[in-house]
């Protein structure tokens, strides 16, 4: 299955989960889309619950099924808890860190921003959204993009940054300080269900 490019709010309502992590997408209509969306939903099977959890995380980070599964397998080869390692790899993607630093208001916008070649990692241009960053990497905006209105408005709209990234306003650059702790990530995600889904 390819990457979902449809309405984000509709997908969030279908899953009953804010894929944008703002809560705005399900605030007004906290029920599934469609004519019968506000009627009682059917009880999901174990498989259905696991699938829904996988889809929640996949749509939140904006990955295709192939990318998602490949990263899951990579996480399984690392030491530690499989599910937590998986979330750390997702958070280490360049597009996600551009979003976390505040250069874009959504991960979708961050992915487009990286694709257009506006971002550097350790001084070198990187236009691959899936690029895996490592702690210590410095993510900055290219000189010719620093005056872009969309960047300035995104930085102004940001209320709070996660603790695993720092930002230097004078250089318009952020540093990926360390891998995130599980407690710093979305508490509504149950990554063990994703592990169960792929290991079934």
C-alpha atoms as a PDB file:
ATOM      1  CA  UNK A   1       0.000   0.000   0.000  1.00  0.00           C
ATOM      2  CA  UNK A   2       1.363   3.428  -0.926  1.00  0.00           C
ATOM      3  CA  UNK A   3       1.556   6.449   1.359  1.00  0.00           C
ATOM      4  CA  UNK A   4      -1.803   7.969   2.280  1.00  0.00           C
ATOM      5  CA  UNK A   5      -2.172  11.452   0.754  1.00  0.00           C
ATOM      6  CA  UNK A   6      -5.852  12.109   1.510  1.00  0.00           C
ATOM      7  CA  UNK A   7      -7.444  14.334   4.183  1.00  0.00           C
ATOM      8  CA  UNK A   8      -5.631  14.014   7.526  1.00  0.00           C
ATOM      9  CA  UNK A   9      -8.703  14.908   9.585  1.00  0.00           C
ATOM     10  CA  UNK A  10     -10.770  12.152   7.962  1.00  0.00           C
ATOM     11  CA  UNK A  11      -8.135   9.522   8.698  1.00  0.00           C
ATOM     12  CA  UNK A  12      -7.800  10.721  12.303  1.00  0.00           C
ATOM     13  CA  UNK A  13     -11.554  10.470  12.809  1.00  0.00           C
ATOM     14  CA  UNK A  14     -11.603   6.984  11.311  1.00  0.00           C
ATOM     15  CA  UNK A  15      -8.934   5.819  13.764  1.00  0.00           C
ATOM     16  CA  UNK A  16     -10.236   7.844  16.718  1.00  0.00           C
ATOM     17  CA  UNK A  17      -6.717   9.172  17.195  1.00  0.00           C
ATOM     18  CA  UNK A  18      -5.072  12.522  16.469  1.00  0.00           C
ATOM     19  CA  UNK A  19      -2.489  11.658  13.804  1.00  0.00           C
ATOM     20  CA  UNK A  20      -1.400  15.321  13.799  1.00  0.00           C
ATOM     21  CA  UNK A  21      -0.838  15.164  17.589  1.00  0.00           C
ATOM     22  CA  UNK A  22      -2.709  18.448  18.033  1.00  0.00           C
ATOM     23  CA  UNK A  23      -6.170  17.122  18.917  1.00  0.00           C
ATOM     24  CA  UNK A  24      -7.766  19.599  16.495  1.00  0.00           C
ATOM     25  CA  UNK A  25      -8.501  16.877  13.937  1.00  0.00           C
ATOM     26  CA  UNK A  26     -10.924  15.037  16.248  1.00  0.00           C
ATOM     27  CA  UNK A  27     -12.056  17.882  18.536  1.00  0.00           C
ATOM     28  CA  UNK A  28     -15.171  18.965  16.623  1.00  0.00           C
ATOM     29  CA  UNK A  29     -16.282  15.546  15.421  1.00  0.00           C
ATOM     30  CA  UNK A  30     -14.932  12.788  17.680  1.00  0.00           C
ATOM     31  CA  UNK A  31     -16.539  10.030  15.631  1.00  0.00           C
ATOM     32  CA  UNK A  32     -15.842   8.200  12.384  1.00  0.00           C
ATOM     33  CA  UNK A  33     -16.540   9.978   9.067  1.00  0.00           C
ATOM     34  CA  UNK A  34     -19.477   9.104   6.845  1.00  0.00           C
ATOM     35  CA  UNK A  35     -23.254   8.928   7.161  1.00  0.00           C
ATOM     36  CA  UNK A  36     -23.188   6.394  10.001  1.00  0.00           C
ATOM     37  CA  UNK A  37     -19.986   7.553  11.679  1.00  0.00           C
ATOM     38  CA  UNK A  38     -21.611   8.727  14.904  1.00  0.00           C
ATOM     39  CA  UNK A  39     -23.457   5.450  15.455  1.00  0.00           C
ATOM     40  CA  UNK A  40     -22.190   2.668  17.668  1.00  0.00           C
ATOM     41  CA  UNK A  41     -19.044   1.056  16.262  1.00  0.00           C
ATOM     42  CA  UNK A  42     -18.576  -2.702  16.043  1.00  0.00           C
ATOM     43  CA  UNK A  43     -16.282  -4.383  18.526  1.00  0.00           C
ATOM     44  CA  UNK A  44     -12.888  -5.108  16.959  1.00  0.00           C
ATOM     45  CA  UNK A  45     -11.197  -8.514  17.011  1.00  0.00           C
ATOM     46  CA  UNK A  46      -7.642  -8.863  18.357  1.00  0.00           C
ATOM     47  CA  UNK A  47      -6.367  -8.614  14.796  1.00  0.00           C
ATOM     48  CA  UNK A  48      -8.467  -5.495  14.227  1.00  0.00           C
ATOM     49  CA  UNK A  49      -7.065  -3.817  17.351  1.00  0.00           C
ATOM     50  CA  UNK A  50      -3.484  -4.621  16.296  1.00  0.00           C
ATOM     51  CA  UNK A  51      -4.083  -3.415  12.739  1.00  0.00           C
ATOM     52  CA  UNK A  52      -5.643  -0.183  13.956  1.00  0.00           C
ATOM     53  CA  UNK A  53      -2.660   0.502  16.224  1.00  0.00           C
ATOM     54  CA  UNK A  54      -0.258  -0.065  13.345  1.00  0.00           C
ATOM     55  CA  UNK A  55      -2.260   2.259  11.106  1.00  0.00           C
ATOM     56  CA  UNK A  56      -2.348   4.959  13.793  1.00  0.00           C
ATOM     57  CA  UNK A  57       1.448   5.110  13.952  1.00  0.00           C
ATOM     58  CA  UNK A  58       1.934   4.687  10.196  1.00  0.00           C
ATOM     59  CA  UNK A  59      -0.369   7.583   9.347  1.00  0.00           C
ATOM     60  CA  UNK A  60       1.035   9.705  12.155  1.00  0.00           C
ATOM     61  CA  UNK A  61       4.561   9.516  10.729  1.00  0.00           C
ATOM     62  CA  UNK A  62       3.341   9.461   7.108  1.00  0.00           C
ATOM     63  CA  UNK A  63       5.077   6.302   5.905  1.00  0.00           C
ATOM     64  CA  UNK A  64       4.149   3.794   3.236  1.00  0.00           C
ATOM     65  CA  UNK A  65       3.556   0.217   4.372  1.00  0.00           C
ATOM     66  CA  UNK A  66       6.871  -0.922   2.873  1.00  0.00           C
ATOM     67  CA  UNK A  67       8.857   1.829   4.615  1.00  0.00           C
ATOM     68  CA  UNK A  68       7.069   1.131   7.885  1.00  0.00           C
ATOM     69  CA  UNK A  69       7.734  -2.613   7.806  1.00  0.00           C
ATOM     70  CA  UNK A  70      11.369  -2.166   6.738  1.00  0.00           C
ATOM     71  CA  UNK A  71      12.005   0.144   9.693  1.00  0.00           C
ATOM     72  CA  UNK A  72      10.240  -2.318  12.007  1.00  0.00           C
ATOM     73  CA  UNK A  73      12.586  -5.117  10.888  1.00  0.00           C
ATOM     74  CA  UNK A  74      15.585  -2.838  11.399  1.00  0.00           C
ATOM     75  CA  UNK A  75      14.435  -2.084  14.960  1.00  0.00           C
ATOM     76  CA  UNK A  76      14.242  -5.821  15.652  1.00  0.00           C
ATOM     77  CA  UNK A  77      17.976  -6.183  15.013  1.00  0.00           C
ATOM     78  CA  UNK A  78      18.876  -3.677  17.718  1.00  0.00           C
ATOM     79  CA  UNK A  79      19.395  -4.374  21.400  1.00  0.00           C
ATOM     80  CA  UNK A  80      16.575  -3.464  23.747  1.00  0.00           C
ATOM     81  CA  UNK A  81      12.789  -3.480  23.523  1.00  0.00           C
ATOM     82  CA  UNK A  82      11.640  -3.946  19.925  1.00  0.00           C
ATOM     83  CA  UNK A  83       8.655  -1.585  20.103  1.00  0.00           C
ATOM     84  CA  UNK A  84      10.582   1.223  21.792  1.00  0.00           C
ATOM     85  CA  UNK A  85      13.490   0.879  19.344  1.00  0.00           C
ATOM     86  CA  UNK A  86      10.979   1.154  16.520  1.00  0.00           C
ATOM     87  CA  UNK A  87       9.562   4.428  17.852  1.00  0.00           C
ATOM     88  CA  UNK A  88      13.101   5.787  18.295  1.00  0.00           C
ATOM     89  CA  UNK A  89      13.895   5.045  14.649  1.00  0.00           C
ATOM     90  CA  UNK A  90      10.685   6.764  13.568  1.00  0.00           C
ATOM     91  CA  UNK A  91      11.593   9.818  15.639  1.00  0.00           C
ATOM     92  CA  UNK A  92      15.111   9.829  14.150  1.00  0.00           C
ATOM     93  CA  UNK A  93      13.859  10.364  10.598  1.00  0.00           C
ATOM     94  CA  UNK A  94      14.941  13.711   9.162  1.00  0.00           C
ATOM     95  CA  UNK A  95      11.400  14.826   8.265  1.00  0.00           C
ATOM     96  CA  UNK A  96      10.234  14.124  11.821  1.00  0.00           C
ATOM     97  CA  UNK A  97      13.119  16.090  13.342  1.00  0.00           C
ATOM     98  CA  UNK A  98      12.448  19.047  11.020  1.00  0.00           C
ATOM     99  CA  UNK A  99       8.893  18.960  12.397  1.00  0.00           C
ATOM    100  CA  UNK A 100      10.062  18.555  16.013  1.00  0.00           C
ATOM    101  CA  UNK A 101      12.469  21.490  15.749  1.00  0.00           C
ATOM    102  CA  UNK A 102       9.643  23.654  14.421  1.00  0.00           C
ATOM    103  CA  UNK A 103      10.633  24.350  10.815  1.00  0.00           C
ATOM    104  CA  UNK A 104       7.246  22.939   9.721  1.00  0.00           C
ATOM    105  CA  UNK A 105       3.855  22.702  11.433  1.00  0.00           C
ATOM    106  CA  UNK A 106       3.156  19.132  10.262  1.00  0.00           C
ATOM    107  CA  UNK A 107       5.225  16.087   9.323  1.00  0.00           C
ATOM    108  CA  UNK A 108       3.724  16.216   5.840  1.00  0.00           C
ATOM    109  CA  UNK A 109       4.953  19.789   5.472  1.00  0.00           C
ATOM    110  CA  UNK A 110       8.360  18.821   6.859  1.00  0.00           C
ATOM    111  CA  UNK A 111       8.678  15.994   4.334  1.00  0.00           C
ATOM    112  CA  UNK A 112       7.938  18.387   1.468  1.00  0.00           C
ATOM    113  CA  UNK A 113      10.393  20.918   2.890  1.00  0.00           C
ATOM    114  CA  UNK A 114      13.172  18.298   2.964  1.00  0.00           C
ATOM    115  CA  UNK A 115      12.267  17.034  -0.526  1.00  0.00           C
ATOM    116  CA  UNK A 116      12.679  20.535  -1.930  1.00  0.00           C
ATOM    117  CA  UNK A 117      16.257  20.660  -0.678  1.00  0.00           C
ATOM    118  CA  UNK A 118      15.893  23.366   1.983  1.00  0.00           C
ATOM    119  CA  UNK A 119      17.543  21.373   4.799  1.00  0.00           C
ATOM    120  CA  UNK A 120      21.139  20.541   5.702  1.00  0.00           C
ATOM    121  CA  UNK A 121      22.501  17.939   8.109  1.00  0.00           C
ATOM    122  CA  UNK A 122      25.927  18.771   9.527  1.00  0.00           C
ATOM    123  CA  UNK A 123      26.368  21.389   6.791  1.00  0.00           C
ATOM    124  CA  UNK A 124      25.511  19.096   3.862  1.00  0.00           C
ATOM    125  CA  UNK A 125      22.249  19.247   1.910  1.00  0.00           C
ATOM    126  CA  UNK A 126      20.026  16.225   2.480  1.00  0.00           C
ATOM    127  CA  UNK A 127      16.785  15.913   0.499  1.00  0.00           C
ATOM    128  CA  UNK A 128      15.778  12.442   1.690  1.00  0.00           C
ATOM    129  CA  UNK A 129      12.961  12.606   4.302  1.00  0.00           C
ATOM    130  CA  UNK A 130      13.690   9.076   5.549  1.00  0.00           C
ATOM    131  CA  UNK A 131      17.353   9.905   6.292  1.00  0.00           C
ATOM    132  CA  UNK A 132      18.211   8.460   9.710  1.00  0.00           C
ATOM    133  CA  UNK A 133      19.762  11.092  11.942  1.00  0.00           C
ATOM    134  CA  UNK A 134      22.029  10.265  14.866  1.00  0.00           C
ATOM    135  CA  UNK A 135      22.434  12.048  18.197  1.00  0.00           C
ATOM    136  CA  UNK A 136      24.727  15.024  17.690  1.00  0.00           C
ATOM    137  CA  UNK A 137      23.537  15.773  14.154  1.00  0.00           C
ATOM    138  CA  UNK A 138      22.849  19.451  13.459  1.00  0.00           C
ATOM    139  CA  UNK A 139      19.797  20.118  11.280  1.00  0.00           C
ATOM    140  CA  UNK A 140      19.664  23.581   9.734  1.00  0.00           C
ATOM    141  CA  UNK A 141      17.876  25.625   7.085  1.00  0.00           C
ATOM    142  CA  UNK A 142      19.833  26.525   3.949  1.00  0.00           C
ATOM    143  CA  UNK A 143      20.794  30.206   3.657  1.00  0.00           C
ATOM    144  CA  UNK A 144      18.447  30.876   0.729  1.00  0.00           C
ATOM    145  CA  UNK A 145      15.482  29.448   2.659  1.00  0.00           C
ATOM    146  CA  UNK A 146      15.928  31.224   5.994  1.00  0.00           C
ATOM    147  CA  UNK A 147      13.713  34.137   4.980  1.00  0.00           C
ATOM    148  CA  UNK A 148      10.828  31.956   3.830  1.00  0.00           C
ATOM    149  CA  UNK A 149       7.544  33.092   5.399  1.00  0.00           C
ATOM    150  CA  UNK A 150       6.412  29.520   6.029  1.00  0.00           C
ATOM    151  CA  UNK A 151       9.491  28.803   8.146  1.00  0.00           C
ATOM    152  CA  UNK A 152       9.085  31.957  10.227  1.00  0.00           C
ATOM    153  CA  UNK A 153       5.372  31.332  10.819  1.00  0.00           C
ATOM    154  CA  UNK A 154       6.055  27.707  11.796  1.00  0.00           C
ATOM    155  CA  UNK A 155       8.698  28.728  14.336  1.00  0.00           C
ATOM    156  CA  UNK A 156       6.388  31.378  15.786  1.00  0.00           C
ATOM    157  CA  UNK A 157       3.499  28.904  16.051  1.00  0.00           C
ATOM    158  CA  UNK A 158       5.566  26.376  18.028  1.00  0.00           C
ATOM    159  CA  UNK A 159       4.667  26.420  21.726  1.00  0.00           C
ATOM    160  CA  UNK A 160       7.126  23.893  23.111  1.00  0.00           C
ATOM    161  CA  UNK A 161       9.917  21.661  21.790  1.00  0.00           C
ATOM    162  CA  UNK A 162      10.611  18.122  22.867  1.00  0.00           C
ATOM    163  CA  UNK A 163      13.629  17.791  25.165  1.00  0.00           C
ATOM    164  CA  UNK A 164      15.664  15.598  22.830  1.00  0.00           C
ATOM    165  CA  UNK A 165      16.218  18.478  20.391  1.00  0.00           C
ATOM    166  CA  UNK A 166      17.708  21.926  21.002  1.00  0.00           C
ATOM    167  CA  UNK A 167      17.438  25.030  18.834  1.00  0.00           C
ATOM    168  CA  UNK A 168      19.879  27.859  18.118  1.00  0.00           C
ATOM    169  CA  UNK A 169      17.815  30.838  16.996  1.00  0.00           C
ATOM    170  CA  UNK A 170      20.803  32.849  15.726  1.00  0.00           C
ATOM    171  CA  UNK A 171      21.891  30.054  13.365  1.00  0.00           C
ATOM    172  CA  UNK A 172      18.382  28.713  12.662  1.00  0.00           C
ATOM    173  CA  UNK A 173      19.688  25.253  13.434  1.00  0.00           C
ATOM    174  CA  UNK A 174      18.534  22.450  15.687  1.00  0.00           C
ATOM    175  CA  UNK A 175      20.567  19.656  17.258  1.00  0.00           C
ATOM    176  CA  UNK A 176      19.356  16.105  17.769  1.00  0.00           C
ATOM    177  CA  UNK A 177      20.751  15.762  21.283  1.00  0.00           C
ATOM    178  CA  UNK A 178      19.813  12.166  22.093  1.00  0.00           C
ATOM    179  CA  UNK A 179      17.391   9.384  21.339  1.00  0.00           C
ATOM    180  CA  UNK A 180      13.997  10.061  22.965  1.00  0.00           C
ATOM    181  CA  UNK A 181      12.802   8.281  26.091  1.00  0.00           C
ATOM    182  CA  UNK A 182       9.543   6.361  25.770  1.00  0.00           C
ATOM    183  CA  UNK A 183       7.903   8.684  28.306  1.00  0.00           C
ATOM    184  CA  UNK A 184       8.559  11.656  25.970  1.00  0.00           C
ATOM    185  CA  UNK A 185       6.583  10.139  23.101  1.00  0.00           C
ATOM    186  CA  UNK A 186       2.842   9.845  22.501  1.00  0.00           C
ATOM    187  CA  UNK A 187       1.273   8.001  25.443  1.00  0.00           C
ATOM    188  CA  UNK A 188      -1.740   6.959  23.325  1.00  0.00           C
ATOM    189  CA  UNK A 189       0.424   4.600  21.260  1.00  0.00           C
ATOM    190  CA  UNK A 190       0.706   0.963  22.307  1.00  0.00           C
ATOM    191  CA  UNK A 191       3.740  -0.214  20.350  1.00  0.00           C
ATOM    192  CA  UNK A 192       3.496  -3.748  21.723  1.00  0.00           C
ATOM    193  CA  UNK A 193       0.344  -4.234  19.600  1.00  0.00           C
ATOM    194  CA  UNK A 194       2.376  -3.369  16.474  1.00  0.00           C
ATOM    195  CA  UNK A 195       4.977  -5.959  17.465  1.00  0.00           C
ATOM    196  CA  UNK A 196       2.177  -8.509  17.955  1.00  0.00           C
ATOM    197  CA  UNK A 197       0.698  -7.593  14.555  1.00  0.00           C
ATOM    198  CA  UNK A 198       3.908  -8.287  12.648  1.00  0.00           C
ATOM    199  CA  UNK A 199       4.808 -11.353  14.747  1.00  0.00           C
ATOM    200  CA  UNK A 200       1.410 -13.029  14.499  1.00  0.00           C
END
